N, C-alpha and C. Protein backbone atom coordinates (compact mmCIF):
# COMPACT_ATOMS: atom_id res chain seq x y z
N MET A 1 116.65 86.13 101.10
CA MET A 1 117.62 86.01 102.20
C MET A 1 117.15 84.92 103.17
N PRO A 2 118.02 83.99 103.58
CA PRO A 2 117.63 82.93 104.51
C PRO A 2 117.13 83.52 105.83
N GLU A 3 116.18 82.81 106.46
CA GLU A 3 115.60 83.28 107.71
C GLU A 3 116.10 82.45 108.89
N ASN A 4 116.09 83.08 110.08
CA ASN A 4 116.44 82.43 111.33
C ASN A 4 117.84 81.84 111.31
N THR A 5 118.75 82.45 110.57
CA THR A 5 120.14 82.02 110.59
C THR A 5 120.78 82.56 111.87
N PRO A 6 121.93 81.99 112.31
CA PRO A 6 122.61 82.55 113.47
C PRO A 6 122.90 84.05 113.35
N SER A 7 123.27 84.51 112.15
CA SER A 7 123.55 85.93 111.98
C SER A 7 122.28 86.76 112.13
N ALA A 8 121.14 86.24 111.65
CA ALA A 8 119.88 86.96 111.81
C ALA A 8 119.48 87.04 113.28
N LEU A 9 119.67 85.95 114.01
CA LEU A 9 119.35 85.95 115.43
C LEU A 9 120.31 86.86 116.19
N ASP A 10 121.56 86.92 115.76
CA ASP A 10 122.52 87.85 116.36
C ASP A 10 122.05 89.28 116.21
N LEU A 11 121.62 89.64 115.00
CA LEU A 11 121.17 91.00 114.76
C LEU A 11 119.96 91.32 115.63
N TYR A 12 119.03 90.39 115.71
CA TYR A 12 117.84 90.60 116.54
C TYR A 12 118.24 90.84 117.99
N ALA A 13 119.17 90.05 118.50
CA ALA A 13 119.61 90.20 119.89
C ALA A 13 120.24 91.57 120.13
N ARG A 14 120.90 92.10 119.12
CA ARG A 14 121.57 93.39 119.28
C ARG A 14 120.61 94.57 119.30
N ILE A 15 119.36 94.35 118.89
CA ILE A 15 118.41 95.46 118.89
C ILE A 15 117.27 95.26 119.89
N GLU A 16 117.33 94.21 120.69
CA GLU A 16 116.25 93.93 121.62
C GLU A 16 115.96 95.11 122.53
N ASP A 17 117.02 95.78 122.97
CA ASP A 17 116.81 96.90 123.89
C ASP A 17 116.11 98.07 123.21
N LEU A 18 116.26 98.20 121.89
CA LEU A 18 115.61 99.29 121.17
C LEU A 18 114.11 99.05 120.96
N ILE A 19 113.70 97.80 120.90
CA ILE A 19 112.31 97.50 120.54
C ILE A 19 111.47 97.07 121.75
N GLY A 20 111.99 97.25 122.95
CA GLY A 20 111.19 97.03 124.16
C GLY A 20 111.24 95.65 124.75
N VAL A 21 111.97 94.75 124.15
CA VAL A 21 112.02 93.38 124.67
C VAL A 21 112.69 93.35 126.04
N LYS A 22 113.80 94.03 126.20
CA LYS A 22 114.52 94.04 127.47
C LYS A 22 113.65 94.63 128.58
N GLU A 23 112.87 95.65 128.24
CA GLU A 23 112.02 96.29 129.24
C GLU A 23 110.90 95.36 129.69
N ALA A 24 110.40 94.55 128.78
CA ALA A 24 109.29 93.65 129.11
C ALA A 24 109.77 92.37 129.79
N ALA A 25 111.05 92.04 129.64
CA ALA A 25 111.57 90.77 130.13
C ALA A 25 111.34 90.51 131.62
N PRO A 26 111.59 91.47 132.51
CA PRO A 26 111.41 91.17 133.95
C PRO A 26 110.01 90.69 134.30
N LYS A 27 108.99 91.21 133.62
CA LYS A 27 107.62 90.77 133.89
C LYS A 27 107.44 89.31 133.50
N LEU A 28 108.05 88.91 132.39
CA LEU A 28 107.96 87.51 131.97
C LEU A 28 108.81 86.62 132.88
N TYR A 29 110.02 87.07 133.20
CA TYR A 29 110.90 86.28 134.07
C TYR A 29 110.24 85.98 135.41
N ALA A 30 109.40 86.90 135.89
CA ALA A 30 108.77 86.71 137.20
C ALA A 30 107.89 85.46 137.21
N HIS A 31 107.26 85.13 136.09
CA HIS A 31 106.44 83.92 136.02
C HIS A 31 107.32 82.68 136.20
N TYR A 32 108.48 82.69 135.57
CA TYR A 32 109.41 81.57 135.71
C TYR A 32 109.93 81.47 137.15
N LEU A 33 110.33 82.60 137.71
CA LEU A 33 110.89 82.59 139.06
C LEU A 33 109.89 82.07 140.08
N LEU A 34 108.67 82.57 140.03
CA LEU A 34 107.66 82.13 140.99
C LEU A 34 107.35 80.65 140.84
N SER A 35 107.30 80.16 139.62
CA SER A 35 107.01 78.73 139.40
C SER A 35 108.16 77.85 139.85
N LEU A 36 109.38 78.28 139.59
CA LEU A 36 110.55 77.48 139.97
C LEU A 36 110.69 77.36 141.48
N GLN A 37 110.17 78.32 142.21
CA GLN A 37 110.26 78.25 143.67
C GLN A 37 109.44 77.11 144.24
N ASP A 38 108.50 76.60 143.45
CA ASP A 38 107.67 75.48 143.89
C ASP A 38 108.15 74.14 143.34
N ILE A 39 109.29 74.14 142.63
CA ILE A 39 109.80 72.93 141.99
C ILE A 39 111.15 72.56 142.62
N PRO A 40 111.31 71.33 143.12
CA PRO A 40 112.63 70.91 143.60
C PRO A 40 113.52 70.55 142.40
N PHE A 41 114.68 71.21 142.29
CA PHE A 41 115.57 70.89 141.16
C PHE A 41 117.00 71.27 141.51
N ASP A 42 117.94 70.53 140.91
CA ASP A 42 119.36 70.76 141.12
C ASP A 42 120.07 71.25 139.87
N SER A 43 119.40 71.13 138.70
CA SER A 43 120.04 71.54 137.45
C SER A 43 119.00 72.16 136.52
N LEU A 44 119.44 73.17 135.77
CA LEU A 44 118.54 73.85 134.83
C LEU A 44 119.29 74.16 133.55
N LEU A 45 118.69 73.80 132.43
CA LEU A 45 119.22 74.11 131.11
C LEU A 45 118.30 75.12 130.44
N ASP A 46 118.85 76.26 130.04
CA ASP A 46 118.06 77.27 129.35
C ASP A 46 118.37 77.19 127.85
N VAL A 47 117.37 76.80 127.08
CA VAL A 47 117.52 76.64 125.63
C VAL A 47 117.20 77.97 124.95
N GLY A 48 118.11 78.42 124.08
CA GLY A 48 117.95 79.73 123.48
C GLY A 48 118.28 80.81 124.48
N CYS A 49 119.39 80.64 125.17
CA CYS A 49 119.73 81.48 126.32
C CYS A 49 120.13 82.90 125.94
N GLY A 50 120.42 83.15 124.65
CA GLY A 50 120.87 84.48 124.27
C GLY A 50 122.13 84.87 125.01
N SER A 51 122.16 86.11 125.49
CA SER A 51 123.34 86.59 126.22
C SER A 51 123.27 86.29 127.71
N GLY A 52 122.30 85.47 128.12
CA GLY A 52 122.26 84.99 129.49
C GLY A 52 121.44 85.81 130.46
N ASP A 53 120.63 86.73 129.98
CA ASP A 53 119.87 87.61 130.88
C ASP A 53 118.93 86.84 131.79
N PHE A 54 118.26 85.82 131.27
CA PHE A 54 117.31 85.08 132.11
C PHE A 54 118.03 84.37 133.25
N ILE A 55 119.10 83.66 132.93
CA ILE A 55 119.83 82.95 133.99
C ILE A 55 120.35 83.94 135.02
N LEU A 56 120.89 85.05 134.58
CA LEU A 56 121.40 86.05 135.51
C LEU A 56 120.31 86.57 136.43
N SER A 57 119.09 86.67 135.91
CA SER A 57 118.01 87.25 136.70
C SER A 57 117.50 86.32 137.79
N ILE A 58 117.73 85.01 137.67
CA ILE A 58 117.16 84.09 138.65
C ILE A 58 118.19 83.30 139.45
N GLN A 59 119.44 83.27 139.01
CA GLN A 59 120.38 82.33 139.62
C GLN A 59 120.66 82.62 141.09
N ASN A 60 120.58 83.88 141.50
CA ASN A 60 120.82 84.20 142.90
C ASN A 60 119.77 83.63 143.83
N ALA A 61 118.59 83.34 143.29
CA ALA A 61 117.52 82.77 144.11
C ALA A 61 117.68 81.27 144.31
N PHE A 62 118.61 80.66 143.55
CA PHE A 62 118.82 79.22 143.62
C PHE A 62 120.33 78.95 143.68
N ALA A 63 120.90 79.22 144.84
CA ALA A 63 122.35 79.20 144.99
C ALA A 63 122.97 77.84 144.73
N ASP A 64 122.24 76.76 144.97
CA ASP A 64 122.81 75.41 144.85
C ASP A 64 122.48 74.73 143.53
N VAL A 65 121.87 75.46 142.61
CA VAL A 65 121.48 74.88 141.33
C VAL A 65 122.57 75.10 140.28
N ALA A 66 122.82 74.08 139.48
CA ALA A 66 123.78 74.19 138.38
C ALA A 66 123.03 74.70 137.14
N PHE A 67 123.40 75.88 136.65
CA PHE A 67 122.75 76.48 135.49
C PHE A 67 123.63 76.34 134.25
N ARG A 68 122.97 76.10 133.14
CA ARG A 68 123.67 76.04 131.86
C ARG A 68 122.78 76.63 130.77
N GLY A 69 123.39 77.32 129.82
CA GLY A 69 122.63 77.87 128.71
C GLY A 69 123.19 77.40 127.38
N ILE A 70 122.29 77.18 126.42
CA ILE A 70 122.72 76.85 125.06
C ILE A 70 121.97 77.76 124.09
N ASP A 71 122.62 78.06 122.97
CA ASP A 71 122.03 78.94 121.97
C ASP A 71 122.64 78.59 120.62
N LEU A 72 121.85 78.76 119.56
CA LEU A 72 122.37 78.49 118.23
C LEU A 72 123.31 79.58 117.74
N SER A 73 123.31 80.72 118.40
CA SER A 73 124.18 81.84 118.02
C SER A 73 125.49 81.79 118.78
N PRO A 74 126.62 81.58 118.09
CA PRO A 74 127.92 81.61 118.78
C PRO A 74 128.19 82.94 119.46
N GLN A 75 127.75 84.03 118.85
CA GLN A 75 127.98 85.34 119.43
C GLN A 75 127.24 85.50 120.75
N MET A 76 126.00 85.05 120.80
CA MET A 76 125.22 85.15 122.03
C MET A 76 125.78 84.26 123.13
N ALA A 77 126.17 83.04 122.77
CA ALA A 77 126.75 82.14 123.76
C ALA A 77 128.04 82.73 124.33
N ALA A 78 128.83 83.37 123.47
CA ALA A 78 130.07 84.00 123.93
C ALA A 78 129.76 85.14 124.90
N ARG A 79 128.73 85.91 124.62
CA ARG A 79 128.35 87.00 125.53
C ARG A 79 127.91 86.46 126.88
N ALA A 80 127.19 85.34 126.86
CA ALA A 80 126.76 84.73 128.12
C ALA A 80 127.97 84.25 128.92
N ARG A 81 128.94 83.67 128.25
CA ARG A 81 130.15 83.21 128.95
C ARG A 81 130.90 84.39 129.57
N GLU A 82 130.90 85.52 128.89
CA GLU A 82 131.56 86.72 129.43
C GLU A 82 130.93 87.16 130.74
N LYS A 83 129.68 86.79 130.95
CA LYS A 83 128.98 87.13 132.19
C LYS A 83 129.11 86.04 133.25
N GLY A 84 129.94 85.04 132.97
CA GLY A 84 130.20 83.98 133.94
C GLY A 84 129.25 82.81 133.86
N ILE A 85 128.47 82.72 132.80
CA ILE A 85 127.50 81.64 132.65
C ILE A 85 128.12 80.48 131.86
N ASP A 86 127.83 79.28 132.27
CA ASP A 86 128.21 78.09 131.52
C ASP A 86 127.32 78.03 130.29
N ALA A 87 127.84 78.47 129.15
CA ALA A 87 127.03 78.56 127.94
C ALA A 87 127.80 78.04 126.74
N GLU A 88 127.05 77.48 125.78
CA GLU A 88 127.67 76.91 124.59
C GLU A 88 126.74 77.08 123.40
N ALA A 89 127.32 77.29 122.23
CA ALA A 89 126.55 77.36 120.98
C ALA A 89 126.36 75.94 120.47
N ILE A 90 125.23 75.36 120.80
CA ILE A 90 124.98 73.96 120.46
C ILE A 90 123.47 73.73 120.36
N ASP A 91 123.08 72.80 119.52
CA ASP A 91 121.68 72.41 119.39
C ASP A 91 121.30 71.51 120.57
N LEU A 92 120.05 71.62 121.01
CA LEU A 92 119.59 70.79 122.12
C LEU A 92 119.83 69.31 121.86
N CYS A 93 119.64 68.88 120.62
CA CYS A 93 119.79 67.46 120.31
C CYS A 93 121.23 66.98 120.41
N ASP A 94 122.17 67.90 120.42
CA ASP A 94 123.59 67.54 120.55
C ASP A 94 124.10 67.72 121.98
N GLU A 95 123.23 68.18 122.85
CA GLU A 95 123.60 68.37 124.26
C GLU A 95 123.77 67.01 124.93
N GLU A 96 124.55 66.98 126.00
CA GLU A 96 124.76 65.76 126.77
C GLU A 96 124.13 65.91 128.15
N GLY A 97 123.81 64.79 128.75
CA GLY A 97 123.29 64.81 130.12
C GLY A 97 121.81 65.10 130.20
N ARG A 98 121.31 65.03 131.43
CA ARG A 98 119.90 65.29 131.71
C ARG A 98 119.78 66.40 132.75
N TYR A 99 118.63 67.07 132.72
CA TYR A 99 118.41 68.21 133.59
C TYR A 99 117.05 68.09 134.28
N ASP A 100 117.00 68.58 135.52
CA ASP A 100 115.74 68.56 136.27
C ASP A 100 114.73 69.54 135.69
N VAL A 101 115.24 70.66 135.19
CA VAL A 101 114.39 71.68 134.57
C VAL A 101 115.02 72.13 133.27
N ILE A 102 114.21 72.28 132.24
CA ILE A 102 114.63 72.89 130.98
C ILE A 102 113.68 74.05 130.70
N THR A 103 114.23 75.18 130.29
CA THR A 103 113.42 76.35 129.99
C THR A 103 113.65 76.79 128.55
N ALA A 104 112.65 77.45 127.98
CA ALA A 104 112.75 78.06 126.66
C ALA A 104 112.00 79.39 126.75
N VAL A 105 112.76 80.47 126.97
CA VAL A 105 112.19 81.75 127.37
C VAL A 105 112.06 82.70 126.17
N PHE A 106 111.01 83.48 126.17
CA PHE A 106 110.72 84.48 125.15
C PHE A 106 110.49 83.85 123.78
N ASP A 107 109.44 83.09 123.68
CA ASP A 107 108.89 82.50 122.46
C ASP A 107 109.89 81.72 121.62
N VAL A 108 110.82 81.03 122.25
CA VAL A 108 111.78 80.19 121.53
C VAL A 108 111.06 79.19 120.63
N LEU A 109 109.99 78.59 121.13
CA LEU A 109 109.29 77.55 120.36
C LEU A 109 108.62 78.11 119.12
N ASN A 110 108.30 79.40 119.13
CA ASN A 110 107.67 79.99 117.96
C ASN A 110 108.61 80.12 116.77
N TYR A 111 109.89 79.96 116.98
CA TYR A 111 110.85 80.01 115.88
C TYR A 111 110.94 78.68 115.14
N LEU A 112 110.24 77.66 115.64
CA LEU A 112 110.35 76.32 115.09
C LEU A 112 109.15 75.98 114.21
N THR A 113 109.41 75.41 113.03
CA THR A 113 108.34 74.84 112.22
C THR A 113 107.81 73.60 112.93
N LEU A 114 106.70 73.06 112.46
CA LEU A 114 106.14 71.87 113.10
C LEU A 114 107.13 70.70 113.10
N PRO A 115 107.78 70.37 111.97
CA PRO A 115 108.79 69.29 112.03
C PRO A 115 109.92 69.60 113.01
N GLN A 116 110.36 70.84 113.05
CA GLN A 116 111.41 71.22 114.00
C GLN A 116 110.91 71.11 115.43
N LEU A 117 109.66 71.48 115.66
CA LEU A 117 109.08 71.39 117.00
C LEU A 117 109.00 69.93 117.45
N GLU A 118 108.62 69.04 116.54
CA GLU A 118 108.56 67.62 116.88
C GLU A 118 109.94 67.06 117.19
N ARG A 119 110.94 67.50 116.42
CA ARG A 119 112.33 67.10 116.70
C ARG A 119 112.77 67.64 118.05
N PHE A 120 112.42 68.89 118.33
CA PHE A 120 112.74 69.50 119.61
C PHE A 120 112.13 68.69 120.76
N GLY A 121 110.85 68.29 120.59
CA GLY A 121 110.18 67.53 121.62
C GLY A 121 110.87 66.22 121.91
N LYS A 122 111.33 65.54 120.88
CA LYS A 122 112.04 64.27 121.06
C LYS A 122 113.32 64.49 121.86
N CYS A 123 114.08 65.50 121.49
CA CYS A 123 115.34 65.78 122.19
C CYS A 123 115.08 66.30 123.60
N LEU A 124 113.99 67.06 123.76
CA LEU A 124 113.62 67.56 125.08
C LEU A 124 113.37 66.40 126.03
N ARG A 125 112.62 65.42 125.58
CA ARG A 125 112.32 64.27 126.44
C ARG A 125 113.58 63.48 126.77
N GLU A 126 114.53 63.44 125.85
CA GLU A 126 115.77 62.71 126.09
C GLU A 126 116.63 63.40 127.16
N HIS A 127 116.58 64.71 127.21
CA HIS A 127 117.47 65.46 128.10
C HIS A 127 116.79 65.95 129.38
N LEU A 128 115.52 65.63 129.55
CA LEU A 128 114.79 66.00 130.75
C LEU A 128 114.74 64.79 131.69
N SER A 129 115.11 65.01 132.93
CA SER A 129 115.09 63.93 133.91
C SER A 129 113.67 63.42 134.12
N ASP A 130 113.54 62.17 134.53
CA ASP A 130 112.22 61.64 134.87
C ASP A 130 111.64 62.48 136.01
N GLY A 131 110.42 62.92 135.83
CA GLY A 131 109.81 63.79 136.83
C GLY A 131 110.22 65.24 136.68
N GLY A 132 111.02 65.55 135.64
CA GLY A 132 111.50 66.90 135.43
C GLY A 132 110.46 67.79 134.77
N TYR A 133 110.75 69.09 134.74
CA TYR A 133 109.79 70.08 134.25
C TYR A 133 110.37 70.87 133.08
N PHE A 134 109.48 71.18 132.15
CA PHE A 134 109.82 72.06 131.04
C PHE A 134 108.94 73.30 131.13
N LEU A 135 109.56 74.47 131.20
CA LEU A 135 108.85 75.74 131.31
C LEU A 135 109.11 76.55 130.05
N CYS A 136 108.04 77.08 129.45
CA CYS A 136 108.19 77.84 128.21
C CYS A 136 107.10 78.89 128.10
N ASP A 137 107.25 79.78 127.15
CA ASP A 137 106.20 80.73 126.82
C ASP A 137 106.09 80.80 125.30
N VAL A 138 104.87 81.01 124.83
CA VAL A 138 104.62 81.08 123.39
C VAL A 138 103.71 82.26 123.09
N ASN A 139 103.81 82.78 121.89
CA ASN A 139 102.96 83.89 121.47
C ASN A 139 101.53 83.43 121.21
N THR A 140 100.58 84.26 121.59
CA THR A 140 99.19 84.02 121.26
C THR A 140 98.88 84.59 119.88
N LEU A 141 97.71 84.28 119.37
CA LEU A 141 97.30 84.88 118.10
C LEU A 141 97.26 86.40 118.21
N TYR A 142 96.79 86.90 119.35
CA TYR A 142 96.77 88.36 119.54
C TYR A 142 98.19 88.92 119.47
N GLY A 143 99.14 88.22 120.09
CA GLY A 143 100.52 88.69 120.07
C GLY A 143 101.06 88.81 118.66
N PHE A 144 100.70 87.86 117.81
CA PHE A 144 101.15 87.91 116.41
C PHE A 144 100.37 88.95 115.61
N GLU A 145 99.04 88.90 115.70
CA GLU A 145 98.20 89.70 114.82
C GLU A 145 98.17 91.18 115.18
N GLU A 146 98.26 91.49 116.48
CA GLU A 146 98.09 92.87 116.91
C GLU A 146 99.37 93.53 117.40
N VAL A 147 100.20 92.79 118.11
CA VAL A 147 101.41 93.38 118.68
C VAL A 147 102.55 93.45 117.68
N ALA A 148 102.72 92.37 116.91
CA ALA A 148 103.92 92.25 116.09
C ALA A 148 103.76 92.75 114.65
N VAL A 149 102.53 92.92 114.19
CA VAL A 149 102.31 93.30 112.79
C VAL A 149 102.44 94.81 112.61
N GLY A 150 103.04 95.20 111.48
CA GLY A 150 103.16 96.62 111.16
C GLY A 150 104.60 97.03 110.93
N ILE A 151 104.80 98.34 110.82
CA ILE A 151 106.13 98.91 110.60
C ILE A 151 106.55 99.68 111.86
N PHE A 152 107.76 99.42 112.30
CA PHE A 152 108.25 100.01 113.54
C PHE A 152 109.67 100.50 113.32
N SER A 153 110.01 101.60 113.96
CA SER A 153 111.39 102.10 113.90
C SER A 153 111.81 102.63 115.27
N ALA A 154 113.10 102.56 115.53
CA ALA A 154 113.64 103.06 116.79
C ALA A 154 115.09 103.43 116.57
N GLU A 155 115.62 104.27 117.45
CA GLU A 155 117.01 104.70 117.29
C GLU A 155 117.59 105.15 118.61
N ASP A 156 118.91 105.14 118.66
CA ASP A 156 119.66 105.78 119.73
C ASP A 156 120.85 106.50 119.09
N ALA A 157 121.88 106.79 119.87
CA ALA A 157 122.98 107.60 119.35
C ALA A 157 123.77 106.90 118.25
N THR A 158 123.79 105.56 118.24
CA THR A 158 124.63 104.84 117.28
C THR A 158 123.87 103.85 116.42
N ARG A 159 122.55 103.72 116.62
CA ARG A 159 121.79 102.72 115.88
C ARG A 159 120.45 103.28 115.42
N PHE A 160 120.04 102.83 114.24
CA PHE A 160 118.69 103.11 113.74
C PHE A 160 118.18 101.82 113.13
N VAL A 161 116.99 101.38 113.56
CA VAL A 161 116.46 100.11 113.09
C VAL A 161 115.03 100.29 112.61
N THR A 162 114.70 99.60 111.53
CA THR A 162 113.31 99.52 111.07
C THR A 162 112.91 98.05 111.01
N ILE A 163 111.67 97.77 111.37
CA ILE A 163 111.14 96.41 111.35
C ILE A 163 109.79 96.42 110.65
N GLU A 164 109.60 95.54 109.72
CA GLU A 164 108.31 95.39 109.06
C GLU A 164 107.83 93.96 109.26
N GLY A 165 106.70 93.82 109.95
CA GLY A 165 106.20 92.49 110.25
C GLY A 165 104.83 92.23 109.68
N ASP A 166 104.60 90.97 109.25
CA ASP A 166 103.32 90.58 108.69
C ASP A 166 102.99 89.16 109.16
N PHE A 167 101.71 88.92 109.42
CA PHE A 167 101.27 87.60 109.90
C PHE A 167 100.14 87.09 109.02
N ALA A 168 100.31 85.90 108.47
CA ALA A 168 99.28 85.30 107.62
C ALA A 168 99.44 83.79 107.63
N ALA A 169 98.31 83.08 107.66
CA ALA A 169 98.29 81.62 107.59
C ALA A 169 99.19 80.98 108.64
N GLY A 170 99.21 81.55 109.83
CA GLY A 170 99.97 80.97 110.94
C GLY A 170 101.45 81.27 110.93
N GLU A 171 101.91 82.09 109.99
CA GLU A 171 103.33 82.43 109.92
C GLU A 171 103.54 83.93 110.09
N TYR A 172 104.50 84.27 110.90
CA TYR A 172 104.88 85.67 111.09
C TYR A 172 106.25 85.90 110.44
N ARG A 173 106.30 86.89 109.55
CA ARG A 173 107.54 87.21 108.87
C ARG A 173 107.93 88.65 109.19
N SER A 174 109.17 88.84 109.58
CA SER A 174 109.65 90.18 109.90
C SER A 174 110.98 90.44 109.21
N GLY A 175 111.10 91.64 108.67
CA GLY A 175 112.35 92.07 108.05
C GLY A 175 112.97 93.19 108.87
N PHE A 176 114.24 93.05 109.18
CA PHE A 176 114.96 94.01 109.99
C PHE A 176 116.01 94.70 109.14
N VAL A 177 116.13 96.01 109.30
CA VAL A 177 117.22 96.77 108.70
C VAL A 177 117.86 97.60 109.80
N LEU A 178 119.13 97.37 110.02
CA LEU A 178 119.87 98.08 111.07
C LEU A 178 120.97 98.92 110.45
N PHE A 179 120.98 100.20 110.80
CA PHE A 179 122.09 101.09 110.48
C PHE A 179 122.83 101.37 111.78
N GLU A 180 124.13 101.05 111.80
CA GLU A 180 124.92 101.20 113.03
C GLU A 180 126.19 101.99 112.73
N ARG A 181 126.45 102.99 113.57
CA ARG A 181 127.63 103.82 113.38
C ARG A 181 128.82 103.21 114.09
N GLY A 182 129.91 103.02 113.36
CA GLY A 182 131.11 102.43 113.92
C GLY A 182 132.05 103.45 114.53
N SER A 183 133.17 102.95 115.03
CA SER A 183 134.15 103.83 115.67
C SER A 183 134.76 104.82 114.69
N ASP A 184 134.68 104.53 113.40
CA ASP A 184 135.18 105.44 112.38
C ASP A 184 134.14 106.48 111.97
N ASN A 185 133.00 106.47 112.69
CA ASN A 185 131.91 107.41 112.45
C ASN A 185 131.16 107.14 111.13
N CYS A 186 131.41 105.99 110.52
CA CYS A 186 130.70 105.61 109.30
C CYS A 186 129.52 104.69 109.67
N TRP A 187 128.43 104.86 108.93
CA TRP A 187 127.25 104.04 109.17
C TRP A 187 127.28 102.79 108.29
N ARG A 188 126.96 101.65 108.90
CA ARG A 188 126.93 100.38 108.17
C ARG A 188 125.54 99.77 108.27
N ARG A 189 125.11 99.15 107.19
CA ARG A 189 123.77 98.57 107.11
C ARG A 189 123.84 97.06 107.19
N GLU A 190 122.88 96.48 107.94
CA GLU A 190 122.72 95.03 108.01
C GLU A 190 121.24 94.71 107.84
N ASP A 191 120.97 93.63 107.15
CA ASP A 191 119.60 93.17 106.94
C ASP A 191 119.43 91.76 107.49
N ALA A 192 118.24 91.46 107.96
CA ALA A 192 117.94 90.10 108.41
C ALA A 192 116.46 89.85 108.30
N GLN A 193 116.10 88.58 108.17
CA GLN A 193 114.70 88.18 108.17
C GLN A 193 114.49 87.08 109.20
N ILE A 194 113.39 87.20 109.92
CA ILE A 194 113.06 86.21 110.94
C ILE A 194 111.63 85.74 110.72
N ARG A 195 111.43 84.45 110.84
CA ARG A 195 110.09 83.87 110.69
C ARG A 195 109.72 83.13 111.97
N GLN A 196 108.48 83.33 112.41
CA GLN A 196 107.95 82.61 113.56
C GLN A 196 106.63 81.95 113.16
N TYR A 197 106.19 81.01 114.00
CA TYR A 197 105.02 80.20 113.69
C TYR A 197 104.10 80.11 114.90
N TYR A 198 102.83 80.25 114.63
CA TYR A 198 101.84 80.09 115.70
C TYR A 198 101.57 78.61 115.92
N HIS A 199 101.64 78.17 117.19
CA HIS A 199 101.34 76.78 117.55
C HIS A 199 100.24 76.79 118.61
N ASP A 200 99.10 76.16 118.33
CA ASP A 200 98.05 76.12 119.34
C ASP A 200 98.35 75.04 120.38
N ASP A 201 97.50 74.96 121.39
CA ASP A 201 97.76 74.06 122.52
C ASP A 201 97.87 72.61 122.08
N ASN A 202 96.99 72.17 121.20
CA ASN A 202 97.00 70.77 120.77
C ASN A 202 98.28 70.42 120.03
N VAL A 203 98.74 71.33 119.17
CA VAL A 203 99.98 71.10 118.43
C VAL A 203 101.15 71.01 119.40
N LEU A 204 101.22 71.94 120.34
CA LEU A 204 102.32 71.93 121.30
C LEU A 204 102.33 70.65 122.12
N ASP A 205 101.18 70.27 122.64
CA ASP A 205 101.11 69.09 123.51
C ASP A 205 101.52 67.82 122.76
N ARG A 206 101.06 67.67 121.53
CA ARG A 206 101.42 66.48 120.75
C ARG A 206 102.91 66.47 120.42
N ALA A 207 103.44 67.61 120.02
CA ALA A 207 104.84 67.66 119.60
C ALA A 207 105.79 67.46 120.77
N LEU A 208 105.47 68.02 121.91
CA LEU A 208 106.39 67.93 123.05
C LEU A 208 106.26 66.59 123.76
N GLY A 209 105.09 65.99 123.75
CA GLY A 209 104.92 64.67 124.35
C GLY A 209 105.08 64.64 125.85
N LEU A 210 104.71 65.75 126.51
CA LEU A 210 104.80 65.85 127.96
C LEU A 210 103.43 66.19 128.53
N GLU A 211 103.27 66.03 129.84
CA GLU A 211 102.02 66.37 130.50
C GLU A 211 101.98 67.87 130.77
N ARG A 212 100.93 68.53 130.28
CA ARG A 212 100.76 69.96 130.57
C ARG A 212 100.25 70.11 132.00
N VAL A 213 101.01 70.84 132.81
CA VAL A 213 100.65 71.02 134.23
C VAL A 213 99.81 72.28 134.41
N SER A 214 100.20 73.37 133.76
CA SER A 214 99.46 74.62 133.93
C SER A 214 99.74 75.57 132.77
N THR A 215 98.83 76.52 132.59
CA THR A 215 98.96 77.56 131.59
C THR A 215 98.54 78.89 132.22
N GLU A 216 99.38 79.90 132.08
CA GLU A 216 99.06 81.24 132.59
C GLU A 216 99.07 82.23 131.44
N SER A 217 98.10 83.12 131.43
CA SER A 217 98.03 84.17 130.43
C SER A 217 98.90 85.34 130.84
N VAL A 218 99.62 85.90 129.87
CA VAL A 218 100.55 86.98 130.16
C VAL A 218 100.31 88.13 129.17
N GLY A 219 100.25 89.34 129.70
CA GLY A 219 100.17 90.53 128.86
C GLY A 219 101.41 91.37 129.07
N LEU A 220 102.38 91.21 128.20
CA LEU A 220 103.65 91.94 128.37
C LEU A 220 103.57 93.37 127.87
N PHE A 221 102.78 93.59 126.84
CA PHE A 221 102.79 94.90 126.18
C PHE A 221 101.44 95.62 126.29
N GLY A 222 100.68 95.29 127.34
CA GLY A 222 99.38 95.92 127.55
C GLY A 222 98.47 94.99 128.32
N GLU A 223 97.18 95.30 128.29
CA GLU A 223 96.21 94.51 129.04
C GLU A 223 95.85 93.20 128.32
N GLU A 224 95.93 93.20 127.00
CA GLU A 224 95.57 92.01 126.24
C GLU A 224 96.62 90.91 126.40
N ILE A 225 96.19 89.67 126.20
CA ILE A 225 97.06 88.51 126.40
C ILE A 225 97.89 88.28 125.14
N ASP A 226 99.19 88.50 125.21
CA ASP A 226 100.05 88.29 124.05
C ASP A 226 100.95 87.06 124.19
N LYS A 227 100.99 86.46 125.39
CA LYS A 227 101.78 85.24 125.58
C LYS A 227 101.07 84.29 126.52
N ASN A 228 101.37 83.02 126.39
CA ASN A 228 100.97 82.01 127.36
C ASN A 228 102.23 81.40 127.97
N PHE A 229 102.25 81.36 129.28
CA PHE A 229 103.34 80.73 130.02
C PHE A 229 102.89 79.33 130.42
N ILE A 230 103.65 78.32 130.01
CA ILE A 230 103.21 76.93 130.15
C ILE A 230 104.23 76.11 130.93
N ILE A 231 103.74 75.24 131.78
CA ILE A 231 104.59 74.30 132.51
C ILE A 231 104.21 72.89 132.09
N TYR A 232 105.21 72.10 131.71
CA TYR A 232 105.04 70.69 131.36
C TYR A 232 105.84 69.83 132.35
N LYS A 233 105.44 68.58 132.46
CA LYS A 233 106.17 67.64 133.30
C LYS A 233 106.38 66.33 132.56
N LYS A 234 107.56 65.75 132.75
CA LYS A 234 107.84 64.43 132.20
C LYS A 234 107.58 63.38 133.26
N ASN A 235 106.59 62.54 133.03
CA ASN A 235 106.23 61.52 134.02
C ASN A 235 106.97 60.22 133.78
């Protein structure tokens, strides 16, 4: 089964609340909010915006800023628009205009292979204003090896999901199986596979081609560091 397709990402987004991602999000968003308060900017593009939760969480703090979100999933972009966000299902390289700040929240870069990351970096530099900032977070080795590996299941009144994850040779592979009960009371099954990649600091810096301003360690799911929050600047 193909990995990281729009339909696979759609399925993942639909179960985020079951697997603790939504609960952990505010702690991660706080790093972005605090950092943005020290950056002068009039426009922000959120790459991989999903259903718009990140933009919704910070936009009230920046009343005069123009926010926009893009995502490869048409379903997610549509959900963001339903919440009043300027959002579109489009690749960063096909985006128009420049932005003072670009963000990639919740390990967006880990979904990219090295060639894809290098392509992303080229397009990032094209769409980032001179002197602009790129804010992102990436998974650490601990996040891949200890937090994400294993078999996990969760359920609510209408959904049951199982996830099996494995990490080897810098690649994380996860298989999702979702059983969801419809309005006709019948259960339907969906399968998806998602692959992520570990990128160390040197790989990220070379691929993005920006100046690294700062790195903060983040522990979303315990005391150990499972993410790094990074700020880059285009000089």
